[in-house]
Amino acid sequence: MAERLTRHDVECIAALAHLELSDAEKDRFLRQLIDVLAHAEQIQAIDTAGIPPTSHVLSSQPADREDEPRPQLPRAEALANAPDASLESGLFRVPRVIG
């Protein structure tokens, strides 16, 4: 398929993507697309018979850590770092963002 790609194909792709390309850019992208498609053909030619499919590259390891309680910053220390804290209610005050 890589050999059949033409400059007209690049122009069609550019039009779909709403790109204005110069003649030099069209030629460069044509070469790059041909290279990408040739590489994809090489990958498709690899014999993967007998190789089990995987859903994740790290399937033998858990993706997330265990949720374990950890020591937390005491509320008074956290509020001490806030520029406008409400110490009585134990909350941070922030500017209104929704009218």
Foldseek 3Di string as FASTA:
>chain_A
DLVPDDLVNLVVVCVVVVHDDDPVRSVVVNVVVSVVVVVVVVVVPDDCPPPDDDPDPPVVDDPDDDDDDDDDDDLVVVQVPAPAADVVVSGHDDDDDDD
